[in-house]
Amino acid sequence: MRRRNFLKTAGLAAAACLAGRSSATLPAPAAAPTPPPRDPRWRGFNLLELFAADRPAAAFREADFEMMAEWGFNFARIPMSYWHWSRPDPAQWMTIDEKPIRYVDGVVELGRRHGVHINLNLHRIPGYCINGREQEPLDLFTGPAEQRARALAAACHHWAYLARRYRGLPATQLSFDLINEPPSMPPARYVEVVRALVAAIRAEDPQRLIVADGINVGRTPVLELADLGIMQSARGYDPIQVSHYQAPWMDVPGRESWPVPTWPLRIGEAEVWDRARLRRELIVPWQALEARGVKVHVGEWGAFHFTPHAVTLAWMQDLLELWQEAGWGWALWSLRGEFGVLDSTRADVKYEAHRGLQLDRKMLELLQRY
């Protein structure tokens, strides 16, 4: 992009971010917001009530928070689609319907009540989603310059709205995870987007703790953001032949012929995934980021329910031990459902009845140890 076009694009985004500020009545900021903890090692789950825009928004369950707190977990990541309170139409991107936001208010309150840190994440943000990216009318990362600026202005507007709404809440209780799993691309545009979003949030709430996912679908740390004073979020899905075995949404050549996974996993004659490789590929690159003073958290991980249970637990234990050694927290995808400890419908698990749900006790006890 030529410098003149870059300046024009940046100016459009900044102006729209400022123009998007709402005059709605919101809680006054606390006099002295609690600073973020020095070394957070939050452990918990993703909760999916606002995740899918093709399903109605739903209230979060207090029973989930009671169980998480009872079991010793202290973190809930909340992936959300902006479609619940706005529309996938650039002409309406700056309009936010406050009625569905009551579900966000509810989960923030449940976290406060039960001592569980809430991490709000825009899984679908104006201009981008890792799932169904083509459904966004403009592309935040690869569209023409003026379209990118328009999407970025809308993204700033939505985060600024949430920052205003929850300003003054202690950073120990609430954090913002900006964009779920940005694509594989050179980092320059992602860095530009993150810096704009961070500025929009801090203009409303300077004390808010902010998290940025790594690039390359959360796999790769972004050293160019190390000066921002934010955390970065990694992933724990490698190798996908273990984590996503028979997952129907995976669009990967040869997926249908993947053999039943083992752990360690051998792929062909030469490729092996084991604990040493997990350390080399999922830990070491992020330690370069930590060396610059940036805290790391693993925002998503887990194995789909068709992976044999014994294989899943062995792979999970290696990851958990590595993250414990590194001092990183994590959030399993998810609490309930095919990746979770509740109602995962695995054919090879002897479930235990728990509060009307089916509990995978072995997986739960493994998670509790780390």
Protein backbone atom coordinates (compact mmCIF):
# COMPACT_ATOMS: atom_id res chain seq x y z
CA MET A 1 0.00 0.00 0.00
CA ARG A 2 1.34 3.47 -0.88
CA ARG A 3 1.94 5.79 2.04
CA ARG A 4 -0.80 8.22 0.92
CA ASN A 5 -3.38 5.42 0.80
CA PHE A 6 -2.18 4.08 4.14
CA LEU A 7 -2.64 7.46 5.80
CA LYS A 8 -6.08 7.85 4.24
CA THR A 9 -7.12 4.41 5.45
CA ALA A 10 -5.79 4.98 8.96
CA GLY A 11 -7.51 8.37 9.10
CA LEU A 12 -10.86 6.90 8.07
CA ALA A 13 -10.60 4.21 10.71
CA ALA A 14 -9.60 6.61 13.48
CA ALA A 15 -12.33 9.10 12.63
CA ALA A 16 -14.99 6.44 12.55
CA CYS A 17 -13.80 4.96 15.84
CA LEU A 18 -14.15 8.36 17.50
CA ALA A 19 -17.47 9.11 15.84
CA GLY A 20 -18.84 5.76 17.00
CA ARG A 21 -18.77 6.64 20.69
CA SER A 22 -22.18 6.28 22.27
CA SER A 23 -23.78 8.63 24.78
CA ALA A 24 -25.73 5.77 26.42
CA THR A 25 -25.92 5.85 30.19
CA LEU A 26 -23.30 3.44 31.54
CA PRO A 27 -21.72 2.72 34.92
CA ALA A 28 -19.22 5.31 36.06
CA PRO A 29 -15.61 4.14 36.11
CA ALA A 30 -14.16 3.03 39.42
CA ALA A 31 -11.78 5.50 41.01
CA ALA A 32 -8.87 3.06 40.96
CA PRO A 33 -9.44 -0.08 38.84
CA THR A 34 -7.56 -3.12 40.09
CA PRO A 35 -4.47 -3.73 37.94
CA PRO A 36 -4.15 -7.10 36.19
CA PRO A 37 -2.41 -9.86 38.15
CA ARG A 38 1.33 -10.15 37.57
CA ASP A 39 1.33 -13.81 36.59
CA PRO A 40 -2.21 -15.01 35.79
CA ARG A 41 -2.45 -18.76 35.32
CA TRP A 42 -6.15 -18.98 34.61
CA ARG A 43 -7.53 -22.47 33.89
CA GLY A 44 -11.01 -23.23 32.65
CA PHE A 45 -13.30 -23.59 29.67
CA ASN A 46 -14.90 -21.88 26.71
CA LEU A 47 -18.66 -21.35 27.16
CA LEU A 48 -20.57 -21.24 23.89
CA GLU A 49 -23.96 -19.60 24.45
CA LEU A 50 -23.09 -16.63 22.19
CA PHE A 51 -20.70 -18.47 19.86
CA ALA A 52 -22.90 -19.45 16.90
CA ALA A 53 -24.92 -16.80 15.11
CA ASP A 54 -27.11 -19.47 13.48
CA ARG A 55 -28.53 -20.31 16.91
CA PRO A 56 -30.40 -17.89 19.18
CA ALA A 57 -28.45 -16.26 21.97
CA ALA A 58 -29.01 -17.97 25.30
CA ALA A 59 -28.53 -17.12 28.94
CA PHE A 60 -25.45 -18.62 30.53
CA ARG A 61 -26.04 -21.29 33.17
CA GLU A 62 -25.21 -20.56 36.77
CA ALA A 63 -24.78 -24.31 37.28
CA ASP A 64 -21.78 -24.20 34.93
CA PHE A 65 -20.12 -21.61 37.14
CA GLU A 66 -20.98 -23.50 40.30
CA MET A 67 -19.34 -26.62 38.89
CA MET A 68 -16.26 -24.79 37.60
CA ALA A 69 -15.70 -23.12 40.97
CA GLU A 70 -16.37 -26.36 42.86
CA TRP A 71 -13.82 -28.18 40.70
CA GLY A 72 -11.16 -25.50 41.19
CA PHE A 73 -11.30 -23.69 37.82
CA ASN A 74 -11.17 -19.91 37.59
CA PHE A 75 -11.49 -18.89 33.93
CA ALA A 76 -14.21 -18.80 31.27
CA ARG A 77 -13.55 -17.63 27.74
CA ILE A 78 -16.72 -16.37 26.03
CA PRO A 79 -16.48 -16.55 22.20
CA MET A 80 -19.20 -14.30 20.74
CA SER A 81 -20.60 -13.41 17.34
CA TYR A 82 -21.43 -9.75 16.83
CA TRP A 83 -24.41 -10.90 14.75
CA HIS A 84 -26.31 -11.39 18.00
CA TRP A 85 -26.48 -7.61 18.57
CA SER A 86 -25.80 -6.18 15.10
CA ARG A 87 -26.17 -7.23 11.48
CA PRO A 88 -23.74 -8.43 8.79
CA ASP A 89 -24.48 -5.28 6.79
CA PRO A 90 -21.95 -2.42 6.68
CA ALA A 91 -24.84 0.05 6.64
CA GLN A 92 -25.89 -1.24 10.08
CA TRP A 93 -22.54 -2.16 11.61
CA MET A 94 -22.52 0.93 13.82
CA THR A 95 -25.94 0.07 15.29
CA ILE A 96 -25.90 -2.10 18.41
CA ASP A 97 -29.07 -3.63 19.84
CA GLU A 98 -28.62 -3.53 23.61
CA LYS A 99 -31.22 -6.22 24.36
CA PRO A 100 -28.97 -9.21 23.50
CA ILE A 101 -26.12 -7.60 25.43
CA ARG A 102 -27.99 -8.59 28.58
CA TYR A 103 -26.58 -12.08 28.04
CA VAL A 104 -23.07 -10.63 28.17
CA ASP A 105 -24.01 -8.68 31.30
CA GLY A 106 -25.25 -11.95 32.77
CA VAL A 107 -22.07 -13.91 32.21
CA VAL A 108 -19.92 -11.06 33.56
CA GLU A 109 -22.04 -11.10 36.71
CA LEU A 110 -21.87 -14.90 37.02
CA GLY A 111 -18.10 -14.73 36.81
CA ARG A 112 -17.96 -12.07 39.53
CA ARG A 113 -20.33 -14.05 41.74
CA HIS A 114 -18.38 -17.29 41.52
CA GLY A 115 -14.80 -16.02 41.32
CA VAL A 116 -14.33 -17.01 37.67
CA HIS A 117 -12.44 -14.60 35.41
CA ILE A 118 -14.44 -13.72 32.27
CA ASN A 119 -12.60 -13.32 28.97
CA LEU A 120 -14.88 -11.81 26.30
CA ASN A 121 -13.82 -12.74 22.77
CA LEU A 122 -15.21 -11.57 19.43
CA HIS A 123 -15.17 -14.88 17.59
CA ARG A 124 -16.97 -13.11 14.75
CA ILE A 125 -16.03 -9.43 14.42
CA PRO A 126 -17.13 -7.05 11.65
CA GLY A 127 -15.14 -8.19 8.62
CA TYR A 128 -13.79 -11.53 9.85
CA CYS A 129 -14.52 -14.95 11.29
CA ILE A 130 -12.42 -18.11 11.06
CA ASN A 131 -15.68 -20.01 10.37
CA GLY A 132 -17.63 -18.82 7.34
CA ARG A 133 -15.30 -15.93 6.61
CA GLU A 134 -17.00 -15.44 3.23
CA GLN A 135 -20.24 -14.52 5.01
CA GLU A 136 -18.81 -11.15 6.02
CA PRO A 137 -19.74 -8.47 3.48
CA LEU A 138 -16.32 -6.76 3.71
CA ASP A 139 -13.02 -8.36 4.66
CA LEU A 140 -11.13 -6.79 7.54
CA PHE A 141 -7.77 -8.18 6.41
CA THR A 142 -7.71 -8.56 2.62
CA GLY A 143 -10.37 -6.30 1.12
CA PRO A 144 -9.68 -3.04 -0.75
CA ALA A 145 -8.25 -0.29 1.47
CA GLU A 146 -11.46 1.68 2.00
CA GLN A 147 -13.40 -1.52 2.79
CA ARG A 148 -10.75 -2.59 5.30
CA ALA A 149 -10.97 0.83 6.92
CA ARG A 150 -14.75 0.56 7.16
CA ALA A 151 -14.57 -2.89 8.75
CA LEU A 152 -11.89 -1.71 11.18
CA ALA A 153 -13.98 1.32 12.18
CA ALA A 154 -16.92 -0.99 12.94
CA ALA A 155 -14.69 -3.38 14.89
CA CYS A 156 -13.37 -0.43 16.93
CA HIS A 157 -16.95 0.71 17.54
CA HIS A 158 -18.03 -2.67 18.94
CA TRP A 159 -15.05 -3.01 21.26
CA ALA A 160 -15.33 0.61 22.40
CA TYR A 161 -18.99 -0.04 23.24
CA LEU A 162 -18.08 -3.06 25.38
CA ALA A 163 -15.22 -1.14 27.00
CA ARG A 164 -17.59 1.66 28.01
CA ARG A 165 -20.20 -0.75 29.25
CA TYR A 166 -17.82 -2.56 31.59
CA ARG A 167 -15.32 0.16 32.43
CA GLY A 168 -14.29 0.19 36.05
CA LEU A 169 -14.67 -3.56 36.52
CA PRO A 170 -11.39 -4.91 37.90
CA ALA A 171 -9.02 -6.45 35.39
CA THR A 172 -8.88 -9.46 37.71
CA GLN A 173 -12.53 -10.11 36.81
CA LEU A 174 -12.74 -9.23 33.11
CA SER A 175 -10.51 -9.19 30.03
CA PHE A 176 -11.07 -8.71 26.29
CA ASP A 177 -9.75 -11.11 23.62
CA LEU A 178 -9.85 -9.03 20.44
CA ILE A 179 -10.21 -11.36 17.42
CA ASN A 180 -10.48 -15.12 17.38
CA GLU A 181 -7.81 -16.90 15.33
CA PRO A 182 -6.65 -14.38 12.74
CA PRO A 183 -5.69 -15.90 9.39
CA SER A 184 -2.34 -17.03 8.06
CA MET A 185 -0.87 -13.87 6.58
CA PRO A 186 2.06 -11.49 6.99
CA PRO A 187 1.64 -9.78 10.37
CA ALA A 188 1.61 -6.15 9.24
CA ARG A 189 -2.15 -5.79 8.73
CA TYR A 190 -2.97 -7.75 11.89
CA VAL A 191 -0.64 -5.50 13.88
CA GLU A 192 -2.38 -2.43 12.44
CA VAL A 193 -5.80 -3.84 13.39
CA VAL A 194 -4.79 -4.83 16.92
CA ARG A 195 -3.22 -1.44 17.62
CA ALA A 196 -6.41 0.32 16.49
CA LEU A 197 -8.62 -1.93 18.64
CA VAL A 198 -6.40 -1.52 21.70
CA ALA A 199 -6.49 2.27 21.26
CA ALA A 200 -10.29 2.25 20.96
CA ILE A 201 -10.65 0.19 24.15
CA ARG A 202 -8.13 2.20 26.15
CA ALA A 203 -9.79 5.45 25.15
CA GLU A 204 -12.80 4.19 27.13
CA ASP A 205 -11.14 2.07 29.82
CA PRO A 206 -7.36 2.41 30.15
CA GLN A 207 -7.12 -0.35 32.77
CA ARG A 208 -8.82 -3.12 30.79
CA LEU A 209 -6.69 -6.25 30.36
CA ILE A 210 -6.46 -7.08 26.64
CA VAL A 211 -5.52 -10.31 24.87
CA ALA A 212 -4.56 -10.80 21.21
CA ASP A 213 -4.64 -14.24 19.60
CA GLY A 214 -1.55 -15.34 17.75
CA ILE A 215 -1.57 -15.13 13.97
CA ASN A 216 -1.84 -18.24 11.76
CA VAL A 217 -5.11 -19.29 13.46
CA GLY A 218 -3.66 -18.68 16.91
CA ARG A 219 -0.53 -20.77 16.39
CA THR A 220 2.16 -18.11 15.90
CA PRO A 221 3.14 -15.37 18.38
CA VAL A 222 3.28 -11.81 17.10
CA LEU A 223 6.49 -10.21 18.33
CA GLU A 224 5.51 -6.91 16.70
CA LEU A 225 2.85 -6.45 19.42
CA ALA A 226 5.21 -6.99 22.35
CA ASP A 227 5.33 -3.28 23.24
CA LEU A 228 1.56 -2.90 23.70
CA GLY A 229 1.28 -4.20 27.26
CA ILE A 230 -1.22 -6.92 26.32
CA MET A 231 -1.30 -10.71 26.69
CA GLN A 232 -1.22 -13.10 23.74
CA SER A 233 -3.27 -16.27 23.29
CA ALA A 234 -1.94 -19.54 21.86
CA ARG A 235 -3.70 -22.74 20.75
CA GLY A 236 -3.42 -26.43 21.60
CA TYR A 237 -4.85 -28.24 18.59
CA ASP A 238 -1.72 -29.77 17.08
CA PRO A 239 -1.50 -32.27 15.62
CA ILE A 240 -4.93 -31.90 14.04
CA GLN A 241 -4.95 -35.62 13.23
CA VAL A 242 -5.44 -36.10 17.00
CA SER A 243 -7.51 -33.05 17.93
CA HIS A 244 -9.83 -33.04 14.90
CA TYR A 245 -10.11 -36.69 13.93
CA GLN A 246 -13.38 -37.12 11.97
CA ALA A 247 -14.46 -33.54 12.72
CA PRO A 248 -16.99 -32.87 9.94
CA TRP A 249 -16.15 -29.17 9.48
CA MET A 250 -12.46 -29.79 8.72
CA ASP A 251 -11.64 -28.94 5.12
CA VAL A 252 -8.23 -30.62 4.88
CA PRO A 253 -7.11 -32.74 1.90
CA GLY A 254 -7.01 -36.43 2.79
CA ARG A 255 -8.95 -36.01 6.04
CA GLU A 256 -11.26 -38.92 5.18
CA SER A 257 -8.31 -41.31 5.07
CA TRP A 258 -6.73 -40.34 8.40
CA PRO A 259 -6.17 -43.53 10.42
CA VAL A 260 -7.43 -43.83 13.98
CA PRO A 261 -4.95 -41.66 15.91
CA THR A 262 -2.47 -42.88 18.47
CA TRP A 263 -0.25 -40.98 20.89
CA PRO A 264 2.58 -40.47 20.10
CA LEU A 265 1.39 -40.15 16.50
CA ARG A 266 3.31 -41.35 13.46
CA ILE A 267 2.35 -39.83 10.09
CA GLY A 268 3.79 -41.79 7.20
CA GLU A 269 7.34 -43.06 7.45
CA ALA A 270 9.19 -40.00 8.70
CA GLU A 271 6.88 -37.65 10.63
CA VAL A 272 6.30 -38.16 14.35
CA TRP A 273 4.38 -36.09 16.85
CA ASP A 274 5.34 -36.65 20.47
CA ARG A 275 5.96 -34.65 23.63
CA ALA A 276 9.30 -33.38 22.35
CA ARG A 277 7.71 -32.05 19.18
CA LEU A 278 4.89 -30.42 21.15
CA ARG A 279 7.51 -28.58 23.17
CA ARG A 280 9.44 -27.58 20.05
CA GLU A 281 6.45 -26.28 18.10
CA LEU A 282 3.90 -25.15 20.72
CA ILE A 283 6.11 -23.91 23.55
CA VAL A 284 9.52 -22.69 22.36
CA PRO A 285 8.28 -20.09 19.79
CA TRP A 286 6.11 -18.45 22.47
CA GLN A 287 8.96 -18.28 24.94
CA ALA A 288 10.62 -15.74 22.65
CA LEU A 289 7.55 -13.57 23.23
CA GLU A 290 7.71 -14.14 27.00
CA ALA A 291 11.33 -13.00 26.92
CA ARG A 292 9.97 -9.60 25.92
CA GLY A 293 7.71 -9.49 28.99
CA VAL A 294 4.47 -10.69 27.35
CA LYS A 295 2.23 -13.11 29.27
CA VAL A 296 0.88 -16.14 27.37
CA HIS A 297 -2.41 -18.00 27.80
CA VAL A 298 -3.80 -20.90 25.74
CA GLY A 299 -7.28 -19.74 24.74
CA GLU A 300 -8.49 -22.96 23.09
CA TRP A 301 -7.54 -26.62 22.94
CA GLY A 302 -9.00 -30.11 23.12
CA ALA A 303 -9.87 -33.17 21.06
CA PHE A 304 -13.11 -33.95 19.21
CA HIS A 305 -15.08 -36.85 20.62
CA PHE A 306 -14.16 -39.40 17.89
CA THR A 307 -10.53 -39.50 19.00
CA PRO A 308 -10.14 -42.57 21.23
CA HIS A 309 -10.43 -41.59 24.88
CA ALA A 310 -7.12 -43.13 25.97
CA VAL A 311 -5.32 -41.33 23.15
CA THR A 312 -7.04 -38.06 24.04
CA LEU A 313 -6.00 -38.30 27.68
CA ALA A 314 -2.39 -39.21 26.89
CA TRP A 315 -2.06 -36.30 24.45
CA MET A 316 -3.79 -33.93 26.87
CA GLN A 317 -1.47 -34.92 29.71
CA ASP A 318 1.62 -34.08 27.66
CA LEU A 319 0.18 -30.67 26.78
CA LEU A 320 -0.92 -29.96 30.34
CA GLU A 321 2.49 -30.85 31.76
CA LEU A 322 4.22 -28.62 29.22
CA TRP A 323 1.92 -25.68 29.97
CA GLN A 324 2.35 -26.18 33.70
CA GLU A 325 6.13 -26.11 33.27
CA ALA A 326 5.81 -22.94 31.21
CA GLY A 327 3.46 -21.35 33.76
CA TRP A 328 0.63 -20.88 31.25
CA GLY A 329 -3.08 -21.11 31.83
CA TRP A 330 -5.56 -22.62 29.38
CA ALA A 331 -9.24 -22.90 28.42
CA LEU A 332 -10.60 -26.18 27.05
CA TRP A 333 -13.04 -26.01 24.14
CA SER A 334 -15.50 -26.60 25.77
CA LEU A 335 -17.16 -27.39 29.14
CA ARG A 336 -20.16 -29.16 27.61
CA GLY A 337 -20.25 -30.91 24.23
CA GLU A 338 -17.95 -32.93 21.99
CA PHE A 339 -14.68 -31.42 23.32
CA GLY A 340 -15.73 -31.15 26.95
CA VAL A 341 -15.94 -33.01 30.24
CA LEU A 342 -19.75 -32.96 30.18
CA ASP A 343 -22.07 -34.59 27.61
CA SER A 344 -19.26 -35.29 25.15
CA THR A 345 -21.03 -38.44 23.80
CA ARG A 346 -17.81 -40.44 23.48
CA ALA A 347 -18.56 -44.08 22.71
CA ASP A 348 -15.64 -45.37 24.79
CA VAL A 349 -16.26 -43.54 28.09
CA LYS A 350 -18.07 -44.80 31.17
CA TYR A 351 -19.86 -41.63 32.19
CA GLU A 352 -20.89 -40.61 35.68
CA ALA A 353 -24.26 -38.93 36.24
CA HIS A 354 -23.68 -35.42 37.59
CA ARG A 355 -26.39 -32.77 37.98
CA GLY A 356 -28.40 -34.34 35.19
CA LEU A 357 -25.36 -34.37 32.88
CA GLN A 358 -22.90 -37.07 31.82
CA LEU A 359 -19.50 -36.42 33.39
CA ASP A 360 -16.20 -37.72 32.02
CA ARG A 361 -14.57 -38.14 35.43
CA LYS A 362 -11.18 -39.27 34.08
CA MET A 363 -10.82 -36.17 31.91
CA LEU A 364 -11.96 -33.90 34.72
CA GLU A 365 -9.46 -35.35 37.19
CA LEU A 366 -6.67 -35.01 34.62
CA LEU A 367 -7.51 -31.31 34.14
CA GLN A 368 -7.70 -30.73 37.89
CA ARG A 369 -4.13 -32.00 38.37
CA TYR A 370 -2.69 -29.25 36.17
